[in-house]
Amino acid sequence: MDGARGDGAVGELRKRYGEPLPASVEALPAADARDLAAAMGESRRRLRRELTESTDASLAQLPRPLRALIKRALGL
């Protein structure tokens, strides 16, 4: 695949997700592959932020003396 077809951005996606990509992704033009990589990166950041917020909100419901113990048990 040549650089004009998104090899840089597709290569980044391959590296990031560590598995074969669907043929439709492999065939994307460079600009579309960059857009897809950016959108997936933003999605991961948003997911991480929302999971952190929901975990914190859940822990806030626990009695204060238990929070540290539960965090330690969860590996947080």
C-alpha atoms as a PDB file:
ATOM      1  CA  MET A   1       0.000   0.000   0.000  1.00  0.00           C
ATOM      2  CA  ASP A   2       1.454   3.390  -0.903  1.00  0.00           C
ATOM      3  CA  GLY A   3       1.493   6.503   1.283  1.00  0.00           C
ATOM      4  CA  ALA A   4      -1.264   8.170  -0.745  1.00  0.00           C
ATOM      5  CA  ARG A   5      -3.745   5.580   0.511  1.00  0.00           C
ATOM      6  CA  GLY A   6      -3.243   6.322   4.192  1.00  0.00           C
ATOM      7  CA  ASP A   7      -0.417   3.931   5.048  1.00  0.00           C
ATOM      8  CA  GLY A   8       0.890   6.295   7.744  1.00  0.00           C
ATOM      9  CA  ALA A   9      -2.420   6.684   9.543  1.00  0.00           C
ATOM     10  CA  VAL A  10      -3.446   3.076   8.854  1.00  0.00           C
ATOM     11  CA  GLY A  11      -0.065   1.955  10.170  1.00  0.00           C
ATOM     12  CA  GLU A  12      -0.699   4.013  13.292  1.00  0.00           C
ATOM     13  CA  LEU A  13      -4.080   2.310  13.728  1.00  0.00           C
ATOM     14  CA  ARG A  14      -2.469  -1.127  13.249  1.00  0.00           C
ATOM     15  CA  LYS A  15       0.158  -0.285  15.867  1.00  0.00           C
ATOM     16  CA  ARG A  16      -2.370   1.203  18.309  1.00  0.00           C
ATOM     17  CA  TYR A  17      -4.856  -1.667  18.164  1.00  0.00           C
ATOM     18  CA  GLY A  18      -2.382  -4.487  17.558  1.00  0.00           C
ATOM     19  CA  GLU A  19      -4.573  -6.569  15.305  1.00  0.00           C
ATOM     20  CA  PRO A  20      -5.449  -6.821  11.625  1.00  0.00           C
ATOM     21  CA  LEU A  21      -7.728  -4.070  10.392  1.00  0.00           C
ATOM     22  CA  PRO A  22     -10.763  -4.646   8.166  1.00  0.00           C
ATOM     23  CA  ALA A  23     -10.044  -4.333   4.443  1.00  0.00           C
ATOM     24  CA  SER A  24     -12.293  -1.268   4.277  1.00  0.00           C
ATOM     25  CA  VAL A  25     -10.041   0.548   6.774  1.00  0.00           C
ATOM     26  CA  GLU A  26      -6.893  -0.570   4.964  1.00  0.00           C
ATOM     27  CA  ALA A  27      -8.289   0.914   1.736  1.00  0.00           C
ATOM     28  CA  LEU A  28      -9.096   4.370   3.169  1.00  0.00           C
ATOM     29  CA  PRO A  29      -7.519   7.435   1.567  1.00  0.00           C
ATOM     30  CA  ALA A  30      -4.882   9.136   3.735  1.00  0.00           C
ATOM     31  CA  ALA A  31      -7.124  12.005   4.895  1.00  0.00           C
ATOM     32  CA  ASP A  32      -9.944   9.650   5.886  1.00  0.00           C
ATOM     33  CA  ALA A  33      -7.544   7.327   7.711  1.00  0.00           C
ATOM     34  CA  ARG A  34      -6.178  10.312   9.681  1.00  0.00           C
ATOM     35  CA  ASP A  35      -9.731  11.400  10.534  1.00  0.00           C
ATOM     36  CA  LEU A  36     -10.592   7.879  11.680  1.00  0.00           C
ATOM     37  CA  ALA A  37      -7.442   7.653  13.816  1.00  0.00           C
ATOM     38  CA  ALA A  38      -8.236  11.028  15.408  1.00  0.00           C
ATOM     39  CA  ALA A  39     -11.870  10.085  16.070  1.00  0.00           C
ATOM     40  CA  MET A  40     -10.890   6.758  17.634  1.00  0.00           C
ATOM     41  CA  GLY A  41      -8.275   8.467  19.795  1.00  0.00           C
ATOM     42  CA  GLU A  42     -10.817  11.016  21.004  1.00  0.00           C
ATOM     43  CA  SER A  43     -13.294   8.225  21.688  1.00  0.00           C
ATOM     44  CA  ARG A  44     -10.747   6.397  23.853  1.00  0.00           C
ATOM     45  CA  ARG A  45      -9.913   9.582  25.782  1.00  0.00           C
ATOM     46  CA  ARG A  46     -13.624  10.293  26.359  1.00  0.00           C
ATOM     47  CA  LEU A  47     -14.249   6.712  27.471  1.00  0.00           C
ATOM     48  CA  ARG A  48     -11.319   6.839  29.899  1.00  0.00           C
ATOM     49  CA  ARG A  49     -12.565  10.156  31.336  1.00  0.00           C
ATOM     50  CA  GLU A  50     -16.155   8.899  31.710  1.00  0.00           C
ATOM     51  CA  LEU A  51     -15.035   5.655  33.362  1.00  0.00           C
ATOM     52  CA  THR A  52     -12.900   7.611  35.818  1.00  0.00           C
ATOM     53  CA  GLU A  53     -15.796   9.947  36.619  1.00  0.00           C
ATOM     54  CA  SER A  54     -18.237   7.072  37.143  1.00  0.00           C
ATOM     55  CA  THR A  55     -15.759   5.169  39.313  1.00  0.00           C
ATOM     56  CA  ASP A  56     -15.181   8.260  41.436  1.00  0.00           C
ATOM     57  CA  ALA A  57     -18.933   8.821  41.754  1.00  0.00           C
ATOM     58  CA  SER A  58     -19.436   5.198  42.807  1.00  0.00           C
ATOM     59  CA  LEU A  59     -16.669   5.385  45.390  1.00  0.00           C
ATOM     60  CA  ALA A  60     -18.162   8.607  46.766  1.00  0.00           C
ATOM     61  CA  GLN A  61     -21.251   6.597  47.757  1.00  0.00           C
ATOM     62  CA  LEU A  62     -19.189   4.435  50.109  1.00  0.00           C
ATOM     63  CA  PRO A  63     -18.529   5.351  53.718  1.00  0.00           C
ATOM     64  CA  ARG A  64     -15.269   7.321  53.873  1.00  0.00           C
ATOM     65  CA  PRO A  65     -13.337   4.729  55.942  1.00  0.00           C
ATOM     66  CA  LEU A  66     -13.982   2.060  53.289  1.00  0.00           C
ATOM     67  CA  ARG A  67     -12.952   4.110  50.231  1.00  0.00           C
ATOM     68  CA  ALA A  68      -9.202   3.603  50.587  1.00  0.00           C
ATOM     69  CA  LEU A  69      -9.646  -0.133  51.161  1.00  0.00           C
ATOM     70  CA  ILE A  70     -11.905  -0.525  48.125  1.00  0.00           C
ATOM     71  CA  LYS A  71      -9.549   1.554  45.935  1.00  0.00           C
ATOM     72  CA  ARG A  72      -6.646  -0.626  46.982  1.00  0.00           C
ATOM     73  CA  ALA A  73      -8.638  -3.807  46.318  1.00  0.00           C
ATOM     74  CA  LEU A  74      -9.555  -2.508  42.856  1.00  0.00           C
ATOM     75  CA  GLY A  75      -5.989  -1.462  42.117  1.00  0.00           C
ATOM     76  CA  LEU A  76      -6.823   2.233  41.800  1.00  0.00           C
END
